[in-house]
Each structure stands twice: as structure tokens, then as C-alpha cells.
N, C-alpha and C. Protein backbone atom coordinates (compact mmCIF):
# COMPACT_ATOMS: atom_id res chain seq x y z
N MET A 1 -6.06 -10.60 3.42
CA MET A 1 -5.39 -9.35 3.61
C MET A 1 -5.26 -8.92 5.07
N PRO A 2 -6.12 -9.35 5.99
CA PRO A 2 -6.00 -8.85 7.34
C PRO A 2 -4.97 -9.58 8.19
N SER A 3 -4.05 -10.32 7.63
CA SER A 3 -3.07 -11.04 8.43
C SER A 3 -2.07 -10.07 9.04
N ARG A 4 -1.35 -10.52 10.05
CA ARG A 4 -0.38 -9.69 10.75
C ARG A 4 1.04 -10.11 10.37
N CYS A 5 1.93 -9.13 10.32
CA CYS A 5 3.34 -9.41 10.05
C CYS A 5 4.16 -8.54 10.96
N SER A 6 5.07 -9.13 11.71
CA SER A 6 5.89 -8.35 12.62
C SER A 6 7.30 -8.18 12.10
N SER A 7 7.63 -8.79 11.00
CA SER A 7 8.99 -8.74 10.50
C SER A 7 9.33 -7.38 9.92
N THR A 8 10.50 -6.87 10.31
CA THR A 8 10.99 -5.64 9.73
C THR A 8 12.24 -5.91 8.90
N GLU A 9 12.75 -7.10 8.95
CA GLU A 9 13.96 -7.43 8.23
C GLU A 9 13.70 -7.64 6.75
N THR A 10 12.63 -8.31 6.43
CA THR A 10 12.31 -8.56 5.03
C THR A 10 10.81 -8.59 4.85
N PHE A 11 10.36 -8.18 3.70
CA PHE A 11 8.94 -8.22 3.38
C PHE A 11 8.64 -9.39 2.46
N GLY A 12 9.63 -10.21 2.12
CA GLY A 12 9.42 -11.43 1.37
C GLY A 12 8.89 -11.23 -0.03
N CYS A 13 9.14 -10.12 -0.66
CA CYS A 13 8.63 -9.91 -2.00
C CYS A 13 9.27 -10.90 -2.95
N GLU A 14 8.44 -11.64 -3.63
CA GLU A 14 8.96 -12.68 -4.51
C GLU A 14 9.02 -12.27 -5.97
N LEU A 15 8.77 -11.00 -6.27
CA LEU A 15 8.78 -10.57 -7.66
C LEU A 15 10.03 -9.77 -8.01
N GLY A 16 11.07 -9.88 -7.19
CA GLY A 16 12.33 -9.21 -7.50
C GLY A 16 12.35 -7.73 -7.19
N LYS A 17 11.40 -7.25 -6.44
CA LYS A 17 11.36 -5.85 -6.07
C LYS A 17 12.12 -5.68 -4.75
N PRO A 18 12.44 -4.45 -4.35
CA PRO A 18 13.12 -4.24 -3.07
C PRO A 18 12.35 -4.90 -1.94
N THR A 19 13.06 -5.45 -0.96
CA THR A 19 12.39 -6.23 0.06
C THR A 19 12.52 -5.70 1.47
N THR A 20 13.30 -4.68 1.71
CA THR A 20 13.37 -4.10 3.04
C THR A 20 13.01 -2.63 2.95
N PRO A 21 12.58 -2.04 4.07
CA PRO A 21 12.26 -0.61 4.03
C PRO A 21 13.44 0.23 3.51
N ARG A 22 14.64 -0.07 3.93
CA ARG A 22 15.80 0.70 3.48
C ARG A 22 15.99 0.59 1.98
N GLU A 23 15.81 -0.63 1.43
CA GLU A 23 15.92 -0.80 -0.02
C GLU A 23 14.84 -0.01 -0.75
N LEU A 24 13.63 0.01 -0.19
CA LEU A 24 12.56 0.79 -0.82
C LEU A 24 12.92 2.26 -0.86
N LEU A 25 13.43 2.79 0.24
CA LEU A 25 13.80 4.21 0.27
C LEU A 25 14.96 4.50 -0.67
N THR A 26 15.91 3.57 -0.76
CA THR A 26 17.08 3.76 -1.61
C THR A 26 16.73 3.74 -3.09
N LYS A 27 15.79 2.89 -3.48
CA LYS A 27 15.47 2.70 -4.89
C LYS A 27 14.43 3.69 -5.41
N ALA A 28 13.92 4.56 -4.54
CA ALA A 28 12.92 5.53 -4.98
C ALA A 28 13.54 6.48 -6.01
N LYS A 29 12.78 6.80 -7.04
CA LYS A 29 13.25 7.72 -8.07
C LYS A 29 12.09 8.56 -8.58
N GLU A 30 12.39 9.63 -9.24
CA GLU A 30 11.36 10.56 -9.69
C GLU A 30 10.98 10.26 -11.14
N VAL A 31 9.74 9.80 -11.36
CA VAL A 31 9.26 9.50 -12.71
C VAL A 31 7.78 9.85 -12.87
N ASN A 32 7.34 10.89 -12.18
CA ASN A 32 5.93 11.24 -12.19
C ASN A 32 5.74 12.69 -12.62
N SER A 33 4.58 12.97 -13.23
CA SER A 33 4.29 14.34 -13.65
C SER A 33 3.63 15.13 -12.52
N ARG A 34 3.11 14.45 -11.50
CA ARG A 34 2.52 15.14 -10.35
C ARG A 34 3.08 14.51 -9.07
N ASP A 35 2.84 15.15 -7.98
CA ASP A 35 3.32 14.66 -6.69
C ASP A 35 2.75 13.26 -6.45
N PRO A 36 3.61 12.26 -6.21
CA PRO A 36 3.10 10.90 -5.99
C PRO A 36 2.16 10.79 -4.78
N LYS A 37 2.26 11.73 -3.84
CA LYS A 37 1.34 11.70 -2.71
C LYS A 37 -0.10 11.89 -3.19
N LEU A 38 -0.29 12.74 -4.18
CA LEU A 38 -1.63 12.95 -4.73
C LEU A 38 -2.16 11.66 -5.35
N THR A 39 -1.31 10.96 -6.08
CA THR A 39 -1.72 9.67 -6.67
C THR A 39 -2.16 8.71 -5.58
N VAL A 40 -1.40 8.64 -4.50
CA VAL A 40 -1.73 7.73 -3.40
C VAL A 40 -3.02 8.15 -2.70
N LEU A 41 -3.21 9.45 -2.51
CA LEU A 41 -4.46 9.91 -1.88
C LEU A 41 -5.67 9.57 -2.75
N LEU A 42 -5.53 9.71 -4.07
CA LEU A 42 -6.63 9.35 -4.98
C LEU A 42 -6.86 7.85 -4.98
N PHE A 43 -5.79 7.08 -4.96
CA PHE A 43 -5.90 5.62 -4.92
C PHE A 43 -6.65 5.21 -3.65
N ASN A 44 -6.28 5.81 -2.52
CA ASN A 44 -6.95 5.49 -1.27
C ASN A 44 -8.41 5.93 -1.27
N GLU A 45 -8.69 7.05 -1.89
CA GLU A 45 -10.08 7.48 -2.00
C GLU A 45 -10.91 6.43 -2.75
N ASN A 46 -10.32 5.85 -3.79
CA ASN A 46 -11.03 4.78 -4.52
C ASN A 46 -11.20 3.54 -3.66
N ILE A 47 -10.22 3.23 -2.82
CA ILE A 47 -10.37 2.10 -1.89
C ILE A 47 -11.52 2.39 -0.94
N ASN A 48 -11.51 3.57 -0.34
CA ASN A 48 -12.54 3.91 0.64
C ASN A 48 -13.93 3.98 0.04
N ARG A 49 -14.04 4.35 -1.22
CA ARG A 49 -15.35 4.35 -1.90
C ARG A 49 -15.68 2.99 -2.49
N GLN A 50 -14.71 2.08 -2.41
CA GLN A 50 -14.83 0.75 -3.03
C GLN A 50 -15.16 0.90 -4.51
N ASP A 51 -14.43 1.81 -5.13
CA ASP A 51 -14.60 2.12 -6.54
C ASP A 51 -13.60 1.30 -7.35
N LEU A 52 -14.02 0.13 -7.77
CA LEU A 52 -13.15 -0.79 -8.50
C LEU A 52 -12.70 -0.21 -9.83
N GLU A 53 -13.57 0.50 -10.50
CA GLU A 53 -13.22 1.12 -11.78
C GLU A 53 -12.13 2.18 -11.59
N GLY A 54 -12.28 3.00 -10.55
CA GLY A 54 -11.27 4.01 -10.26
C GLY A 54 -9.94 3.40 -9.89
N LEU A 55 -9.96 2.34 -9.07
CA LEU A 55 -8.72 1.64 -8.71
C LEU A 55 -8.05 1.07 -9.95
N THR A 56 -8.84 0.48 -10.82
CA THR A 56 -8.30 -0.14 -12.03
C THR A 56 -7.58 0.90 -12.88
N ARG A 57 -8.15 2.09 -13.00
CA ARG A 57 -7.51 3.16 -13.78
C ARG A 57 -6.19 3.60 -13.17
N GLN A 58 -6.04 3.48 -11.86
CA GLN A 58 -4.84 3.96 -11.19
C GLN A 58 -3.76 2.91 -11.02
N MET A 59 -4.04 1.67 -11.38
CA MET A 59 -3.04 0.61 -11.26
C MET A 59 -2.21 0.49 -12.53
N ALA A 60 -0.90 0.37 -12.37
CA ALA A 60 -0.03 0.06 -13.50
C ALA A 60 -0.30 -1.38 -13.93
N GLN A 61 0.01 -1.72 -15.16
CA GLN A 61 -0.19 -3.10 -15.63
C GLN A 61 0.58 -4.10 -14.76
N SER A 62 1.72 -3.68 -14.25
CA SER A 62 2.54 -4.55 -13.41
C SER A 62 2.20 -4.43 -11.93
N HIS A 63 1.05 -3.81 -11.61
CA HIS A 63 0.66 -3.55 -10.22
C HIS A 63 0.80 -4.81 -9.35
N THR A 64 1.39 -4.59 -8.17
CA THR A 64 1.57 -5.66 -7.19
C THR A 64 1.09 -5.17 -5.83
N PHE A 65 0.33 -6.00 -5.14
CA PHE A 65 -0.04 -5.75 -3.75
C PHE A 65 0.78 -6.71 -2.91
N ILE A 66 1.41 -6.18 -1.85
CA ILE A 66 2.19 -7.03 -0.95
C ILE A 66 1.55 -6.95 0.42
N ASP A 67 1.10 -8.11 0.90
CA ASP A 67 0.39 -8.16 2.17
C ASP A 67 1.37 -8.19 3.34
N ARG A 68 0.83 -8.21 4.55
CA ARG A 68 1.66 -8.16 5.76
C ARG A 68 2.55 -9.39 5.92
N ASP A 69 2.17 -10.46 5.30
CA ASP A 69 3.01 -11.66 5.35
C ASP A 69 4.13 -11.61 4.33
N GLY A 70 4.14 -10.58 3.48
CA GLY A 70 5.17 -10.45 2.46
C GLY A 70 4.84 -11.15 1.16
N THR A 71 3.63 -11.64 1.04
CA THR A 71 3.21 -12.32 -0.18
C THR A 71 2.80 -11.29 -1.23
N ALA A 72 3.36 -11.44 -2.42
CA ALA A 72 3.06 -10.53 -3.53
C ALA A 72 1.88 -11.07 -4.33
N HIS A 73 0.95 -10.17 -4.63
CA HIS A 73 -0.24 -10.50 -5.43
C HIS A 73 -0.24 -9.59 -6.66
N GLY A 74 -0.37 -10.14 -7.80
CA GLY A 74 -0.38 -9.33 -9.02
C GLY A 74 -0.33 -10.25 -10.22
N PRO A 75 -0.33 -9.71 -11.40
CA PRO A 75 -0.36 -8.30 -11.79
C PRO A 75 -1.77 -7.72 -11.76
N LYS A 76 -1.97 -6.63 -12.45
CA LYS A 76 -3.21 -5.86 -12.41
C LYS A 76 -4.47 -6.70 -12.60
N PRO A 77 -4.59 -7.55 -13.63
CA PRO A 77 -5.86 -8.30 -13.78
C PRO A 77 -6.22 -9.14 -12.55
N ARG A 78 -5.21 -9.76 -11.94
CA ARG A 78 -5.47 -10.55 -10.74
C ARG A 78 -5.89 -9.64 -9.59
N MET A 79 -5.23 -8.48 -9.47
CA MET A 79 -5.56 -7.58 -8.37
C MET A 79 -6.95 -6.97 -8.51
N VAL A 80 -7.39 -6.74 -9.72
CA VAL A 80 -8.75 -6.24 -9.92
C VAL A 80 -9.74 -7.24 -9.33
N GLU A 81 -9.53 -8.51 -9.61
CA GLU A 81 -10.41 -9.57 -9.07
C GLU A 81 -10.27 -9.66 -7.55
N GLU A 82 -9.05 -9.55 -7.05
CA GLU A 82 -8.85 -9.64 -5.60
C GLU A 82 -9.47 -8.46 -4.87
N TRP A 83 -9.39 -7.24 -5.43
CA TRP A 83 -10.05 -6.09 -4.81
C TRP A 83 -11.57 -6.28 -4.82
N LYS A 84 -12.09 -6.80 -5.91
CA LYS A 84 -13.54 -7.05 -6.00
C LYS A 84 -13.98 -8.00 -4.88
N GLU A 85 -13.25 -9.09 -4.71
CA GLU A 85 -13.56 -10.06 -3.64
C GLU A 85 -13.39 -9.43 -2.26
N PHE A 86 -12.33 -8.64 -2.09
CA PHE A 86 -12.05 -7.99 -0.81
C PHE A 86 -13.21 -7.07 -0.43
N PHE A 87 -13.69 -6.26 -1.37
CA PHE A 87 -14.80 -5.35 -1.09
C PHE A 87 -16.08 -6.11 -0.74
N GLN A 88 -16.29 -7.26 -1.35
CA GLN A 88 -17.46 -8.07 -1.02
C GLN A 88 -17.34 -8.64 0.40
N ARG A 89 -16.13 -9.05 0.78
CA ARG A 89 -15.92 -9.64 2.11
C ARG A 89 -15.92 -8.59 3.21
N PHE A 90 -15.44 -7.37 2.90
CA PHE A 90 -15.31 -6.31 3.91
C PHE A 90 -15.97 -5.02 3.42
N PRO A 91 -17.30 -4.99 3.40
CA PRO A 91 -18.01 -3.83 2.82
C PRO A 91 -17.81 -2.53 3.59
N LYS A 92 -17.36 -2.57 4.84
CA LYS A 92 -17.17 -1.34 5.61
C LYS A 92 -15.70 -0.92 5.68
N TYR A 93 -14.82 -1.63 5.00
CA TYR A 93 -13.39 -1.35 5.08
C TYR A 93 -13.07 0.07 4.62
N ARG A 94 -12.21 0.75 5.40
CA ARG A 94 -11.74 2.09 5.05
C ARG A 94 -10.31 2.24 5.56
N ASN A 95 -9.50 3.01 4.84
CA ASN A 95 -8.17 3.41 5.28
C ASN A 95 -8.24 4.84 5.77
N ASN A 96 -7.66 5.10 6.90
CA ASN A 96 -7.60 6.45 7.47
C ASN A 96 -6.14 6.85 7.60
N PHE A 97 -5.74 7.85 6.84
CA PHE A 97 -4.36 8.30 6.83
C PHE A 97 -4.17 9.42 7.85
N SER A 98 -3.10 9.35 8.62
CA SER A 98 -2.77 10.43 9.54
C SER A 98 -1.48 11.15 9.14
N ARG A 99 -0.67 10.49 8.31
CA ARG A 99 0.59 11.10 7.86
C ARG A 99 0.97 10.52 6.51
N VAL A 100 1.36 11.39 5.58
CA VAL A 100 1.75 10.96 4.23
C VAL A 100 3.06 11.66 3.88
N GLU A 101 4.07 10.87 3.54
CA GLU A 101 5.38 11.41 3.16
C GLU A 101 5.81 10.77 1.86
N SER A 102 6.63 11.49 1.09
CA SER A 102 7.15 10.88 -0.13
C SER A 102 8.65 11.07 -0.22
N HIS A 103 9.27 10.08 -0.82
CA HIS A 103 10.69 10.07 -1.12
C HIS A 103 10.78 9.71 -2.60
N ASP A 104 10.74 10.73 -3.45
CA ASP A 104 10.68 10.55 -4.89
C ASP A 104 9.43 9.74 -5.24
N ASP A 105 9.57 8.52 -5.81
CA ASP A 105 8.38 7.77 -6.22
C ASP A 105 7.83 6.84 -5.14
N LEU A 106 8.43 6.86 -3.96
CA LEU A 106 7.95 6.04 -2.85
C LEU A 106 7.17 6.92 -1.88
N VAL A 107 5.94 6.50 -1.59
CA VAL A 107 5.10 7.21 -0.63
C VAL A 107 4.91 6.31 0.58
N VAL A 108 5.13 6.87 1.76
CA VAL A 108 4.98 6.14 3.02
C VAL A 108 3.83 6.79 3.79
N VAL A 109 2.89 5.95 4.25
CA VAL A 109 1.68 6.45 4.89
C VAL A 109 1.51 5.78 6.24
N LEU A 110 1.20 6.59 7.23
CA LEU A 110 0.91 6.12 8.58
C LEU A 110 -0.58 6.33 8.81
N GLY A 111 -1.21 5.34 9.40
CA GLY A 111 -2.64 5.49 9.68
C GLY A 111 -3.22 4.23 10.26
N HIS A 112 -4.51 4.05 10.04
CA HIS A 112 -5.16 2.83 10.50
C HIS A 112 -6.26 2.41 9.52
N ALA A 113 -6.51 1.12 9.54
CA ALA A 113 -7.59 0.56 8.73
C ALA A 113 -8.79 0.32 9.63
N PHE A 114 -9.96 0.55 9.07
CA PHE A 114 -11.22 0.24 9.74
C PHE A 114 -11.84 -0.92 8.99
N TRP A 115 -12.02 -2.04 9.68
CA TRP A 115 -12.59 -3.23 9.05
C TRP A 115 -14.09 -3.33 9.30
N SER A 116 -14.49 -3.10 10.54
CA SER A 116 -15.89 -3.22 10.95
C SER A 116 -16.01 -2.65 12.35
N GLU A 117 -17.23 -2.63 12.88
CA GLU A 117 -17.42 -2.18 14.25
C GLU A 117 -16.68 -3.08 15.23
N GLU A 118 -16.53 -4.35 14.90
CA GLU A 118 -15.82 -5.29 15.76
C GLU A 118 -14.31 -5.08 15.71
N GLN A 119 -13.81 -4.55 14.63
CA GLN A 119 -12.37 -4.27 14.48
C GLN A 119 -12.20 -2.87 13.88
N PRO A 120 -12.46 -1.84 14.71
CA PRO A 120 -12.48 -0.49 14.18
C PRO A 120 -11.11 0.18 14.01
N PHE A 121 -10.08 -0.33 14.68
CA PHE A 121 -8.80 0.37 14.67
C PHE A 121 -7.66 -0.62 14.48
N ASP A 122 -7.06 -0.60 13.31
CA ASP A 122 -5.97 -1.49 12.96
C ASP A 122 -4.79 -0.63 12.48
N PRO A 123 -3.86 -0.27 13.38
CA PRO A 123 -2.75 0.62 13.00
C PRO A 123 -1.83 -0.05 11.97
N VAL A 124 -1.54 0.67 10.91
CA VAL A 124 -0.69 0.12 9.84
C VAL A 124 0.18 1.20 9.21
N ILE A 125 1.16 0.72 8.45
CA ILE A 125 1.97 1.57 7.58
C ILE A 125 1.77 1.03 6.17
N TRP A 126 1.42 1.92 5.26
CA TRP A 126 1.32 1.55 3.85
C TRP A 126 2.51 2.17 3.13
N THR A 127 2.95 1.51 2.09
CA THR A 127 3.89 2.15 1.17
C THR A 127 3.34 1.95 -0.23
N ALA A 128 3.66 2.89 -1.08
CA ALA A 128 3.25 2.79 -2.48
C ALA A 128 4.40 3.28 -3.35
N ARG A 129 4.66 2.55 -4.41
CA ARG A 129 5.59 3.01 -5.44
C ARG A 129 4.76 3.52 -6.60
N VAL A 130 5.05 4.73 -7.03
CA VAL A 130 4.27 5.38 -8.07
C VAL A 130 5.19 5.69 -9.24
N GLU A 131 4.79 5.23 -10.42
CA GLU A 131 5.54 5.52 -11.65
C GLU A 131 4.55 5.92 -12.73
N ASP A 132 4.89 6.98 -13.45
CA ASP A 132 4.02 7.51 -14.50
C ASP A 132 2.61 7.77 -13.96
N ASP A 133 2.56 8.25 -12.71
CA ASP A 133 1.31 8.61 -12.03
C ASP A 133 0.38 7.41 -11.82
N LEU A 134 0.93 6.21 -11.81
CA LEU A 134 0.16 4.99 -11.55
C LEU A 134 0.79 4.24 -10.37
N VAL A 135 -0.04 3.54 -9.62
CA VAL A 135 0.46 2.77 -8.48
C VAL A 135 1.00 1.44 -8.99
N VAL A 136 2.31 1.29 -8.85
CA VAL A 136 3.00 0.07 -9.28
C VAL A 136 2.99 -0.96 -8.16
N GLU A 137 3.13 -0.47 -6.91
CA GLU A 137 3.15 -1.38 -5.77
C GLU A 137 2.41 -0.74 -4.61
N TRP A 138 1.54 -1.54 -3.96
CA TRP A 138 0.82 -1.13 -2.76
C TRP A 138 1.15 -2.16 -1.71
N ARG A 139 1.74 -1.71 -0.60
CA ARG A 139 2.22 -2.62 0.43
C ARG A 139 1.65 -2.21 1.78
N ILE A 140 1.37 -3.20 2.61
CA ILE A 140 0.88 -2.92 3.96
C ILE A 140 1.76 -3.67 4.95
N CYS A 141 2.09 -3.00 6.05
CA CYS A 141 2.83 -3.67 7.11
C CYS A 141 2.36 -3.12 8.46
N SER A 142 2.67 -3.83 9.50
CA SER A 142 2.24 -3.44 10.84
C SER A 142 2.89 -2.14 11.26
N ASP A 143 2.16 -1.37 12.02
CA ASP A 143 2.70 -0.14 12.59
C ASP A 143 3.43 -0.54 13.88
N SER A 144 4.73 -0.71 13.77
CA SER A 144 5.55 -1.08 14.92
C SER A 144 6.68 -0.07 15.05
N LYS A 145 7.33 -0.05 16.21
CA LYS A 145 8.48 0.83 16.42
C LYS A 145 9.55 0.54 15.38
N GLU A 146 9.78 -0.74 15.10
CA GLU A 146 10.81 -1.14 14.14
C GLU A 146 10.48 -0.64 12.73
N ASN A 147 9.22 -0.81 12.31
CA ASN A 147 8.84 -0.35 10.98
C ASN A 147 8.85 1.17 10.89
N ARG A 148 8.44 1.84 11.95
CA ARG A 148 8.50 3.31 11.94
C ARG A 148 9.94 3.78 11.78
N ALA A 149 10.85 3.15 12.50
CA ALA A 149 12.27 3.52 12.38
C ALA A 149 12.80 3.20 11.00
N ALA A 150 12.42 2.06 10.45
CA ALA A 150 12.90 1.66 9.14
C ALA A 150 12.46 2.63 8.05
N PHE A 151 11.26 3.20 8.20
CA PHE A 151 10.74 4.15 7.21
C PHE A 151 10.94 5.60 7.63
N ASN A 152 11.77 5.82 8.64
CA ASN A 152 12.07 7.17 9.13
C ASN A 152 10.82 7.92 9.56
N LEU A 153 9.88 7.22 10.17
CA LEU A 153 8.69 7.84 10.72
C LEU A 153 8.90 8.05 12.22
N ARG A 154 8.90 9.23 12.66
CA ARG A 154 9.15 9.52 14.08
C ARG A 154 7.85 9.86 14.77
């Protein structure tokens, strides 16, 4: 998961989902009973607490994680195992959000990841697609000028 990706043209999603920031923003739609930002904040709280049970409850069955290289990981049963392994490998990992915006069911987050004392500040942009108050897609990409522009983050 800690790999770097500088591409803003495509995220290489191989599961037929939108693959560019513009496509993600265009395909966002409203299908939630609560603000999708709240769902994302709760999902992140479970990541930061390394609460696998809480994460599992918040993932849609079709849940997909897309890493910085554009590789899609899913569905939910596989991601539960991958989160478990991730937490074992990076016990101090935390996401720190500085800005959270939503465009219907797409949430865009600016912030940084904390991996360890050796790598305390890793600037990133996360996106999440939320449907029926569940996280369908969790994506991470580098915090670059190009990605900020693509997601309308000024």
C-alpha cells in the first residue's frame, strides 16, 4: 500500500469503475441516507483505531481498494484479510484529514498518512465512493498539483 503514483491521467482501475478524477466526479450520484462525509469519517476512524470489525461493517460487499499504482483490490472478503495484514505490518499507521469535500456519493479528502516515526508525513488525497451508507471504493493517490486540480482542490 505505501507505493507512490504520480499519474493523474488514469488510475488504472481494472474493475470497470471510473478511472480518472473527472470521471469520478462526473459519475457521483446521491444514494445515501446520511451525508457521505460522515460515512468516510467513521470509516477513517476505524482505520485509525485499526478496528477490523468496524471496517468490515462499513464495507459494501463489492468494496474495492485502489492503491497509488492503480491496482484494484477486492471484493470485501479479500479486503478484510488485506486490512488485517496491513495493520499487522504498520501498527502505528494513521490517516490525518485536513479537508473533506463531497460531490454526491464521492468524497474527496486531503491530508496525510502517518506510517511510523521514520515516515511521519506522507501527503495524500483519498477518494471514497459511498452507496447505501457503505464504502464501495476507497482510493489513495499522491497529493500533487495535478491531482489537486483534477479533484478541484485549491
